[in-house]
Amino acid sequence: MCWVALDRAAQIAAHLGRSAYEARIRAHADTIREDVFANGWNEELQSFTQTYGGGELDASLLLMEQYGFIAADDERYVKTVNRIEAELLRNDLMYRYKNRDDFGLPDSAFTICTFWLVRALYVTGRRERATEIFDKLVTCNNHVGLFSEDLDFVTKRQLGNFPQAYSHLA
């Protein structure tokens, strides 16, 4: 995301005609990009990882292409998408990641990540699989068409702690 911020700043500078600022910021963005390519790829897993030198996956890696960091047909991105699908997809819903965080080990699907996977599969040429997952995902919305941040992997029901006044909406 540091690269995204700098890339967007460089684009804004270009739009404003600030070429010196654009060049300086673009150079920093390029340095970050090169560093991620050099240190964020795990050869053993054949995937980018959540941290340098780590072995954990994170669904946010699916956004690399969408943000313009890497091309959809780059072999590293395609392999990352495939690895994330294999490791983080459960019952056609996605974990954000599986490692312990401040809340413990994840035990529910992080809904937006499944949408990220659908798009990543689509842009990497796996359109039938993307459509299959999408068609299942859209059935998980509530009665007004909204999606919860979290879904239960088994029941596909929305999770969350609703205040008592809103319990009739769950």
N, C-alpha and C. Protein backbone atom coordinates (compact mmCIF):
# COMPACT_ATOMS: atom_id res chain seq x y z
N MET A 1 0.82 -1.20 0.00
CA MET A 1 0.00 0.00 0.00
C MET A 1 0.87 1.26 0.00
N CYS A 2 2.10 1.16 0.49
CA CYS A 2 3.01 2.31 0.40
C CYS A 2 3.25 2.63 -1.07
N TRP A 3 3.44 1.59 -1.88
CA TRP A 3 3.63 1.81 -3.31
C TRP A 3 2.40 2.47 -3.91
N VAL A 4 1.21 2.02 -3.53
CA VAL A 4 -0.03 2.60 -4.08
C VAL A 4 -0.10 4.09 -3.75
N ALA A 5 0.19 4.44 -2.50
CA ALA A 5 0.14 5.85 -2.11
C ALA A 5 1.10 6.70 -2.94
N LEU A 6 2.31 6.21 -3.11
CA LEU A 6 3.29 6.97 -3.89
C LEU A 6 2.94 6.99 -5.37
N ASP A 7 2.46 5.88 -5.89
CA ASP A 7 2.05 5.84 -7.29
C ASP A 7 0.93 6.86 -7.56
N ARG A 8 -0.04 6.90 -6.66
CA ARG A 8 -1.14 7.85 -6.84
C ARG A 8 -0.68 9.28 -6.68
N ALA A 9 0.25 9.52 -5.76
CA ALA A 9 0.80 10.86 -5.60
C ALA A 9 1.54 11.29 -6.87
N ALA A 10 2.28 10.37 -7.47
CA ALA A 10 2.99 10.68 -8.71
C ALA A 10 1.99 10.98 -9.83
N GLN A 11 0.91 10.21 -9.87
CA GLN A 11 -0.12 10.46 -10.89
C GLN A 11 -0.76 11.83 -10.70
N ILE A 12 -1.03 12.19 -9.47
CA ILE A 12 -1.61 13.51 -9.18
C ILE A 12 -0.62 14.61 -9.57
N ALA A 13 0.64 14.43 -9.23
CA ALA A 13 1.66 15.42 -9.59
C ALA A 13 1.73 15.59 -11.10
N ALA A 14 1.64 14.49 -11.83
CA ALA A 14 1.65 14.57 -13.30
C ALA A 14 0.44 15.35 -13.79
N HIS A 15 -0.69 15.06 -13.21
CA HIS A 15 -1.93 15.75 -13.60
C HIS A 15 -1.83 17.26 -13.33
N LEU A 16 -1.13 17.62 -12.28
CA LEU A 16 -0.98 19.02 -11.91
C LEU A 16 0.21 19.69 -12.60
N GLY A 17 0.92 18.93 -13.41
CA GLY A 17 2.06 19.49 -14.12
C GLY A 17 3.29 19.69 -13.25
N ARG A 18 3.39 18.97 -12.16
CA ARG A 18 4.53 19.07 -11.24
C ARG A 18 5.54 17.97 -11.56
N SER A 19 6.23 18.09 -12.65
CA SER A 19 7.08 17.01 -13.16
C SER A 19 8.25 16.68 -12.22
N ALA A 20 8.84 17.66 -11.59
CA ALA A 20 9.95 17.37 -10.67
C ALA A 20 9.46 16.54 -9.48
N TYR A 21 8.34 16.93 -8.93
CA TYR A 21 7.76 16.18 -7.80
C TYR A 21 7.36 14.78 -8.28
N GLU A 22 6.75 14.71 -9.45
CA GLU A 22 6.36 13.40 -10.00
C GLU A 22 7.56 12.48 -10.12
N ALA A 23 8.66 12.98 -10.67
CA ALA A 23 9.86 12.15 -10.86
C ALA A 23 10.43 11.67 -9.53
N ARG A 24 10.47 12.57 -8.55
CA ARG A 24 11.01 12.20 -7.24
C ARG A 24 10.14 11.13 -6.56
N ILE A 25 8.84 11.33 -6.59
CA ILE A 25 7.92 10.36 -5.97
C ILE A 25 7.91 9.05 -6.74
N ARG A 26 7.93 9.12 -8.05
CA ARG A 26 7.95 7.90 -8.88
C ARG A 26 9.20 7.09 -8.57
N ALA A 27 10.32 7.73 -8.36
CA ALA A 27 11.55 7.00 -8.04
C ALA A 27 11.40 6.23 -6.73
N HIS A 28 10.78 6.84 -5.75
CA HIS A 28 10.54 6.14 -4.47
C HIS A 28 9.55 4.98 -4.68
N ALA A 29 8.52 5.21 -5.45
CA ALA A 29 7.55 4.14 -5.73
C ALA A 29 8.23 2.98 -6.44
N ASP A 30 9.09 3.28 -7.39
CA ASP A 30 9.81 2.23 -8.12
C ASP A 30 10.72 1.44 -7.20
N THR A 31 11.34 2.11 -6.24
CA THR A 31 12.21 1.43 -5.28
C THR A 31 11.40 0.44 -4.44
N ILE A 32 10.25 0.88 -3.99
CA ILE A 32 9.38 -0.01 -3.20
C ILE A 32 8.93 -1.19 -4.05
N ARG A 33 8.53 -0.93 -5.28
CA ARG A 33 8.08 -2.01 -6.17
C ARG A 33 9.18 -3.05 -6.36
N GLU A 34 10.38 -2.59 -6.66
CA GLU A 34 11.52 -3.50 -6.84
C GLU A 34 11.80 -4.29 -5.56
N ASP A 35 11.66 -3.65 -4.42
CA ASP A 35 11.89 -4.32 -3.14
C ASP A 35 10.85 -5.41 -2.89
N VAL A 36 9.61 -5.12 -3.21
CA VAL A 36 8.55 -6.13 -3.04
C VAL A 36 8.81 -7.32 -3.96
N PHE A 37 9.18 -7.04 -5.20
CA PHE A 37 9.47 -8.15 -6.12
C PHE A 37 10.66 -8.97 -5.64
N ALA A 38 11.65 -8.32 -5.06
CA ALA A 38 12.84 -9.02 -4.60
C ALA A 38 12.62 -9.77 -3.29
N ASN A 39 11.81 -9.21 -2.39
CA ASN A 39 11.70 -9.77 -1.04
C ASN A 39 10.33 -10.30 -0.65
N GLY A 40 9.32 -9.99 -1.43
CA GLY A 40 7.96 -10.41 -1.09
C GLY A 40 7.55 -11.73 -1.71
N TRP A 41 8.36 -12.23 -2.62
CA TRP A 41 8.06 -13.49 -3.31
C TRP A 41 8.69 -14.65 -2.54
N ASN A 42 7.90 -15.69 -2.31
CA ASN A 42 8.39 -16.89 -1.64
C ASN A 42 8.50 -17.98 -2.70
N GLU A 43 9.72 -18.30 -3.05
CA GLU A 43 9.97 -19.27 -4.12
C GLU A 43 9.40 -20.64 -3.79
N GLU A 44 9.52 -21.05 -2.55
CA GLU A 44 9.00 -22.36 -2.13
C GLU A 44 7.49 -22.45 -2.29
N LEU A 45 6.78 -21.39 -1.88
CA LEU A 45 5.32 -21.37 -2.00
C LEU A 45 4.85 -21.00 -3.39
N GLN A 46 5.75 -20.42 -4.18
CA GLN A 46 5.39 -19.90 -5.50
C GLN A 46 4.27 -18.88 -5.37
N SER A 47 4.50 -17.93 -4.45
CA SER A 47 3.49 -16.92 -4.16
C SER A 47 4.14 -15.73 -3.46
N PHE A 48 3.54 -14.56 -3.62
CA PHE A 48 3.87 -13.46 -2.73
C PHE A 48 3.29 -13.81 -1.37
N THR A 49 3.84 -13.25 -0.32
CA THR A 49 3.40 -13.57 1.02
C THR A 49 3.04 -12.32 1.80
N GLN A 50 2.45 -12.55 2.96
CA GLN A 50 1.97 -11.46 3.81
C GLN A 50 3.12 -10.58 4.29
N THR A 51 4.29 -11.17 4.55
CA THR A 51 5.45 -10.43 5.05
C THR A 51 6.71 -10.94 4.35
N TYR A 52 7.72 -10.10 4.32
CA TYR A 52 9.02 -10.51 3.77
C TYR A 52 9.55 -11.69 4.58
N GLY A 53 9.99 -12.70 3.88
CA GLY A 53 10.57 -13.87 4.53
C GLY A 53 9.56 -14.76 5.20
N GLY A 54 8.29 -14.41 5.13
CA GLY A 54 7.24 -15.20 5.78
C GLY A 54 6.65 -16.23 4.85
N GLY A 55 5.84 -17.07 5.43
CA GLY A 55 5.19 -18.11 4.66
C GLY A 55 3.67 -18.02 4.70
N GLU A 56 3.16 -16.96 5.29
CA GLU A 56 1.71 -16.80 5.41
C GLU A 56 1.16 -16.04 4.21
N LEU A 57 -0.03 -16.43 3.82
CA LEU A 57 -0.72 -15.77 2.72
C LEU A 57 -1.72 -14.76 3.27
N ASP A 58 -2.05 -13.78 2.46
CA ASP A 58 -3.02 -12.76 2.82
C ASP A 58 -3.82 -12.43 1.57
N ALA A 59 -5.13 -12.48 1.67
CA ALA A 59 -5.98 -12.23 0.51
C ALA A 59 -5.78 -10.85 -0.08
N SER A 60 -5.25 -9.91 0.68
CA SER A 60 -5.02 -8.57 0.13
C SER A 60 -4.02 -8.60 -1.02
N LEU A 61 -3.23 -9.65 -1.12
CA LEU A 61 -2.31 -9.81 -2.25
C LEU A 61 -3.06 -9.88 -3.58
N LEU A 62 -4.32 -10.27 -3.52
CA LEU A 62 -5.14 -10.32 -4.73
C LEU A 62 -5.32 -8.94 -5.35
N LEU A 63 -5.13 -7.89 -4.56
CA LEU A 63 -5.32 -6.52 -5.04
C LEU A 63 -4.10 -5.97 -5.79
N MET A 64 -3.01 -6.70 -5.80
CA MET A 64 -1.80 -6.21 -6.45
C MET A 64 -2.05 -5.81 -7.90
N GLU A 65 -2.79 -6.61 -8.61
CA GLU A 65 -3.08 -6.32 -10.02
C GLU A 65 -4.06 -5.17 -10.14
N GLN A 66 -5.09 -5.19 -9.33
CA GLN A 66 -6.12 -4.16 -9.42
C GLN A 66 -5.54 -2.77 -9.18
N TYR A 67 -4.58 -2.66 -8.30
CA TYR A 67 -3.95 -1.38 -8.02
C TYR A 67 -2.89 -0.99 -9.05
N GLY A 68 -2.59 -1.90 -9.98
CA GLY A 68 -1.62 -1.58 -11.02
C GLY A 68 -0.19 -1.93 -10.66
N PHE A 69 0.00 -2.67 -9.59
CA PHE A 69 1.34 -3.03 -9.14
C PHE A 69 1.96 -4.10 -10.04
N ILE A 70 1.13 -4.99 -10.57
CA ILE A 70 1.60 -6.13 -11.36
C ILE A 70 0.53 -6.44 -12.41
N ALA A 71 0.95 -6.97 -13.53
CA ALA A 71 0.01 -7.30 -14.61
C ALA A 71 -0.73 -8.60 -14.30
N ALA A 72 -1.95 -8.70 -14.77
CA ALA A 72 -2.77 -9.89 -14.53
C ALA A 72 -2.15 -11.14 -15.14
N ASP A 73 -1.37 -10.98 -16.21
CA ASP A 73 -0.77 -12.15 -16.85
C ASP A 73 0.65 -12.42 -16.38
N ASP A 74 1.13 -11.67 -15.39
CA ASP A 74 2.44 -11.95 -14.81
C ASP A 74 2.35 -13.29 -14.09
N GLU A 75 3.28 -14.18 -14.40
CA GLU A 75 3.26 -15.53 -13.83
C GLU A 75 3.24 -15.52 -12.30
N ARG A 76 3.92 -14.57 -11.69
CA ARG A 76 3.94 -14.49 -10.23
C ARG A 76 2.56 -14.15 -9.68
N TYR A 77 1.84 -13.28 -10.37
CA TYR A 77 0.49 -12.93 -9.90
C TYR A 77 -0.45 -14.12 -10.09
N VAL A 78 -0.39 -14.76 -11.24
CA VAL A 78 -1.25 -15.91 -11.50
C VAL A 78 -1.01 -17.01 -10.46
N LYS A 79 0.26 -17.26 -10.16
CA LYS A 79 0.58 -18.28 -9.16
C LYS A 79 0.11 -17.86 -7.77
N THR A 80 0.21 -16.57 -7.46
CA THR A 80 -0.27 -16.08 -6.17
C THR A 80 -1.78 -16.26 -6.05
N VAL A 81 -2.50 -15.92 -7.10
CA VAL A 81 -3.96 -16.10 -7.10
C VAL A 81 -4.30 -17.56 -6.89
N ASN A 82 -3.64 -18.44 -7.61
CA ASN A 82 -3.92 -19.87 -7.48
C ASN A 82 -3.60 -20.39 -6.09
N ARG A 83 -2.50 -19.93 -5.53
CA ARG A 83 -2.09 -20.37 -4.19
C ARG A 83 -3.08 -19.87 -3.13
N ILE A 84 -3.49 -18.62 -3.27
CA ILE A 84 -4.45 -18.06 -2.32
C ILE A 84 -5.78 -18.80 -2.42
N GLU A 85 -6.21 -19.09 -3.62
CA GLU A 85 -7.45 -19.87 -3.76
C GLU A 85 -7.30 -21.22 -3.06
N ALA A 86 -6.20 -21.89 -3.28
CA ALA A 86 -5.98 -23.22 -2.69
C ALA A 86 -5.89 -23.18 -1.17
N GLU A 87 -5.30 -22.13 -0.61
CA GLU A 87 -5.04 -22.08 0.82
C GLU A 87 -6.09 -21.33 1.64
N LEU A 88 -6.71 -20.31 1.06
CA LEU A 88 -7.59 -19.46 1.86
C LEU A 88 -9.08 -19.60 1.52
N LEU A 89 -9.40 -20.33 0.48
CA LEU A 89 -10.81 -20.53 0.12
C LEU A 89 -11.35 -21.75 0.85
N ARG A 90 -12.51 -21.57 1.47
CA ARG A 90 -13.18 -22.66 2.17
C ARG A 90 -14.68 -22.54 1.88
N ASN A 91 -15.26 -23.58 1.34
CA ASN A 91 -16.69 -23.58 1.00
C ASN A 91 -17.07 -22.35 0.17
N ASP A 92 -16.20 -22.00 -0.76
CA ASP A 92 -16.40 -20.87 -1.68
C ASP A 92 -16.47 -19.53 -0.97
N LEU A 93 -15.88 -19.43 0.20
CA LEU A 93 -15.72 -18.17 0.93
C LEU A 93 -14.26 -18.07 1.34
N MET A 94 -13.78 -16.83 1.51
CA MET A 94 -12.36 -16.60 1.76
C MET A 94 -12.04 -16.18 3.19
N TYR A 95 -10.96 -16.75 3.70
CA TYR A 95 -10.29 -16.17 4.86
C TYR A 95 -9.53 -14.95 4.35
N ARG A 96 -9.32 -13.96 5.20
CA ARG A 96 -8.39 -12.89 4.85
C ARG A 96 -6.98 -13.46 4.95
N TYR A 97 -6.72 -14.15 6.04
CA TYR A 97 -5.49 -14.89 6.30
C TYR A 97 -5.83 -15.90 7.38
N LYS A 98 -4.94 -16.85 7.61
CA LYS A 98 -5.22 -17.88 8.61
C LYS A 98 -4.35 -17.76 9.86
N ASN A 99 -3.39 -16.88 9.87
CA ASN A 99 -2.51 -16.77 11.02
C ASN A 99 -3.15 -15.96 12.15
N ARG A 100 -2.66 -16.20 13.36
CA ARG A 100 -3.17 -15.54 14.56
C ARG A 100 -2.92 -14.04 14.49
N ASP A 101 -3.92 -13.27 14.94
CA ASP A 101 -3.76 -11.82 15.05
C ASP A 101 -4.26 -11.39 16.43
N ASP A 102 -4.55 -10.12 16.60
CA ASP A 102 -5.00 -9.60 17.90
C ASP A 102 -6.32 -10.22 18.37
N PHE A 103 -7.06 -10.81 17.46
CA PHE A 103 -8.35 -11.41 17.78
C PHE A 103 -8.27 -12.92 17.88
N GLY A 104 -7.10 -13.49 17.71
CA GLY A 104 -6.93 -14.94 17.72
C GLY A 104 -6.85 -15.48 16.31
N LEU A 105 -7.20 -16.75 16.16
CA LEU A 105 -7.21 -17.36 14.83
C LEU A 105 -8.54 -17.07 14.14
N PRO A 106 -8.50 -16.67 12.88
CA PRO A 106 -9.74 -16.38 12.17
C PRO A 106 -10.62 -17.63 12.08
N ASP A 107 -11.93 -17.44 12.25
CA ASP A 107 -12.85 -18.57 12.15
C ASP A 107 -14.06 -18.26 11.29
N SER A 108 -14.01 -17.13 10.58
CA SER A 108 -15.11 -16.78 9.69
C SER A 108 -14.54 -16.22 8.39
N ALA A 109 -15.39 -16.20 7.40
CA ALA A 109 -15.00 -15.65 6.10
C ALA A 109 -15.03 -14.14 6.15
N PHE A 110 -14.08 -13.52 5.49
CA PHE A 110 -14.04 -12.07 5.36
C PHE A 110 -14.60 -11.76 3.97
N THR A 111 -15.82 -11.33 3.93
CA THR A 111 -16.62 -11.28 2.70
C THR A 111 -15.92 -10.56 1.55
N ILE A 112 -15.36 -9.39 1.79
CA ILE A 112 -14.76 -8.63 0.70
C ILE A 112 -13.66 -9.42 0.00
N CYS A 113 -12.98 -10.28 0.75
CA CYS A 113 -11.89 -11.07 0.17
C CYS A 113 -12.40 -12.03 -0.89
N THR A 114 -13.62 -12.52 -0.72
CA THR A 114 -14.19 -13.40 -1.73
C THR A 114 -14.45 -12.62 -3.01
N PHE A 115 -14.91 -11.39 -2.88
CA PHE A 115 -15.07 -10.54 -4.07
C PHE A 115 -13.72 -10.28 -4.73
N TRP A 116 -12.67 -10.06 -3.92
CA TRP A 116 -11.34 -9.87 -4.48
C TRP A 116 -10.91 -11.10 -5.28
N LEU A 117 -11.19 -12.29 -4.73
CA LEU A 117 -10.81 -13.52 -5.42
C LEU A 117 -11.56 -13.64 -6.74
N VAL A 118 -12.84 -13.34 -6.73
CA VAL A 118 -13.64 -13.42 -7.96
C VAL A 118 -13.00 -12.57 -9.06
N ARG A 119 -12.65 -11.34 -8.71
CA ARG A 119 -12.05 -10.46 -9.71
C ARG A 119 -10.69 -11.00 -10.16
N ALA A 120 -9.88 -11.46 -9.23
CA ALA A 120 -8.55 -11.97 -9.57
C ALA A 120 -8.64 -13.19 -10.48
N LEU A 121 -9.56 -14.09 -10.19
CA LEU A 121 -9.76 -15.25 -11.06
C LEU A 121 -10.19 -14.80 -12.45
N TYR A 122 -11.09 -13.84 -12.50
CA TYR A 122 -11.59 -13.35 -13.78
C TYR A 122 -10.47 -12.75 -14.63
N VAL A 123 -9.66 -11.87 -14.05
CA VAL A 123 -8.64 -11.19 -14.84
C VAL A 123 -7.47 -12.10 -15.20
N THR A 124 -7.32 -13.21 -14.50
CA THR A 124 -6.27 -14.16 -14.83
C THR A 124 -6.77 -15.26 -15.75
N GLY A 125 -8.00 -15.10 -16.25
CA GLY A 125 -8.50 -16.02 -17.26
C GLY A 125 -9.37 -17.15 -16.77
N ARG A 126 -9.61 -17.22 -15.49
CA ARG A 126 -10.44 -18.30 -14.95
C ARG A 126 -11.87 -17.81 -14.74
N ARG A 127 -12.50 -17.42 -15.83
CA ARG A 127 -13.80 -16.76 -15.77
C ARG A 127 -14.92 -17.66 -15.31
N GLU A 128 -14.90 -18.91 -15.70
CA GLU A 128 -15.96 -19.83 -15.25
C GLU A 128 -15.90 -20.02 -13.74
N ARG A 129 -14.71 -20.19 -13.21
CA ARG A 129 -14.56 -20.37 -11.76
C ARG A 129 -14.97 -19.09 -11.04
N ALA A 130 -14.59 -17.94 -11.57
CA ALA A 130 -14.98 -16.66 -10.97
C ALA A 130 -16.49 -16.53 -10.93
N THR A 131 -17.14 -16.88 -12.01
CA THR A 131 -18.61 -16.79 -12.08
C THR A 131 -19.26 -17.75 -11.10
N GLU A 132 -18.71 -18.94 -10.99
CA GLU A 132 -19.25 -19.95 -10.06
C GLU A 132 -19.21 -19.43 -8.62
N ILE A 133 -18.07 -18.90 -8.21
CA ILE A 133 -17.95 -18.38 -6.84
C ILE A 133 -18.84 -17.16 -6.65
N PHE A 134 -18.85 -16.26 -7.63
CA PHE A 134 -19.68 -15.05 -7.53
C PHE A 134 -21.16 -15.41 -7.38
N ASP A 135 -21.64 -16.34 -8.18
CA ASP A 135 -23.06 -16.72 -8.12
C ASP A 135 -23.44 -17.25 -6.74
N LYS A 136 -22.52 -17.96 -6.10
CA LYS A 136 -22.78 -18.45 -4.75
C LYS A 136 -22.70 -17.32 -3.72
N LEU A 137 -21.73 -16.43 -3.91
CA LEU A 137 -21.52 -15.35 -2.96
C LEU A 137 -22.71 -14.40 -2.90
N VAL A 138 -23.28 -14.08 -4.02
CA VAL A 138 -24.38 -13.10 -4.02
C VAL A 138 -25.64 -13.63 -3.33
N THR A 139 -25.69 -14.90 -3.06
CA THR A 139 -26.83 -15.44 -2.31
C THR A 139 -26.66 -15.24 -0.80
N CYS A 140 -25.52 -14.72 -0.39
CA CYS A 140 -25.23 -14.53 1.03
C CYS A 140 -25.60 -13.13 1.53
N ASN A 141 -26.28 -12.35 0.73
CA ASN A 141 -26.65 -11.01 1.18
C ASN A 141 -27.88 -11.09 2.08
N ASN A 142 -28.15 -9.99 2.76
CA ASN A 142 -29.33 -9.99 3.64
C ASN A 142 -30.57 -9.54 2.88
N HIS A 143 -31.64 -9.34 3.61
CA HIS A 143 -32.93 -9.04 2.99
C HIS A 143 -32.97 -7.70 2.25
N VAL A 144 -32.01 -6.82 2.50
CA VAL A 144 -31.97 -5.56 1.76
C VAL A 144 -30.78 -5.52 0.80
N GLY A 145 -30.17 -6.67 0.56
CA GLY A 145 -29.11 -6.77 -0.43
C GLY A 145 -27.72 -6.40 0.05
N LEU A 146 -27.54 -6.24 1.36
CA LEU A 146 -26.24 -5.88 1.90
C LEU A 146 -25.48 -7.12 2.37
N PHE A 147 -24.18 -6.96 2.47
CA PHE A 147 -23.33 -8.05 2.92
C PHE A 147 -22.68 -7.68 4.24
N SER A 148 -22.61 -8.65 5.12
CA SER A 148 -21.89 -8.48 6.37
C SER A 148 -20.40 -8.57 6.08
N GLU A 149 -19.60 -8.01 6.96
CA GLU A 149 -18.16 -8.13 6.83
C GLU A 149 -17.73 -9.59 6.96
N ASP A 150 -18.42 -10.33 7.83
CA ASP A 150 -18.07 -11.72 8.10
C ASP A 150 -19.22 -12.64 7.79
N LEU A 151 -18.87 -13.83 7.27
CA LEU A 151 -19.86 -14.87 7.00
C LEU A 151 -19.37 -16.17 7.63
N ASP A 152 -20.32 -16.96 8.09
CA ASP A 152 -20.00 -18.28 8.61
C ASP A 152 -19.70 -19.20 7.42
N PHE A 153 -18.59 -19.93 7.50
CA PHE A 153 -18.19 -20.79 6.39
C PHE A 153 -19.20 -21.90 6.10
N VAL A 154 -19.87 -22.38 7.12
CA VAL A 154 -20.77 -23.52 6.95
C VAL A 154 -22.18 -23.08 6.61
N THR A 155 -22.74 -22.20 7.42
CA THR A 155 -24.14 -21.80 7.21
C THR A 155 -24.29 -20.69 6.18
N LYS A 156 -23.19 -19.98 5.89
CA LYS A 156 -23.18 -18.82 4.98
C LYS A 156 -23.98 -17.65 5.54
N ARG A 157 -24.32 -17.73 6.81
CA ARG A 157 -25.08 -16.65 7.45
C ARG A 157 -24.14 -15.53 7.87
N GLN A 158 -24.70 -14.33 7.89
CA GLN A 158 -23.94 -13.17 8.29
C GLN A 158 -23.69 -13.21 9.79
N LEU A 159 -22.48 -12.79 10.17
CA LEU A 159 -22.11 -12.73 11.57
C LEU A 159 -22.02 -11.28 11.99
N GLY A 160 -22.00 -11.06 13.25
CA GLY A 160 -21.84 -9.71 13.76
C GLY A 160 -22.59 -9.55 15.05
N ASN A 161 -22.19 -8.58 15.80
CA ASN A 161 -22.85 -8.27 17.06
C ASN A 161 -23.76 -7.08 16.84
N PHE A 162 -25.01 -7.36 16.55
CA PHE A 162 -25.97 -6.30 16.32
C PHE A 162 -26.53 -5.82 17.64
N PRO A 163 -26.68 -4.51 17.80
CA PRO A 163 -27.35 -4.02 19.00
C PRO A 163 -28.76 -4.58 19.07
N GLN A 164 -29.25 -4.76 20.26
CA GLN A 164 -30.58 -5.35 20.45
C GLN A 164 -31.65 -4.64 19.64
N ALA A 165 -31.55 -3.33 19.51
CA ALA A 165 -32.57 -2.57 18.76
C ALA A 165 -32.62 -2.97 17.30
N TYR A 166 -31.53 -3.58 16.79
CA TYR A 166 -31.48 -3.95 15.37
C TYR A 166 -31.55 -5.46 15.17
N SER A 167 -31.82 -6.20 16.22
CA SER A 167 -31.79 -7.65 16.12
C SER A 167 -32.80 -8.21 15.12
N HIS A 168 -33.88 -7.48 14.89
CA HIS A 168 -34.89 -7.94 13.93
C HIS A 168 -34.36 -7.89 12.49
N LEU A 169 -33.23 -7.21 12.25
CA LEU A 169 -32.66 -7.11 10.91
C LEU A 169 -31.72 -8.27 10.59
N ALA A 170 -31.26 -8.99 11.61
CA ALA A 170 -30.29 -10.04 11.40
C ALA A 170 -30.88 -11.22 10.66
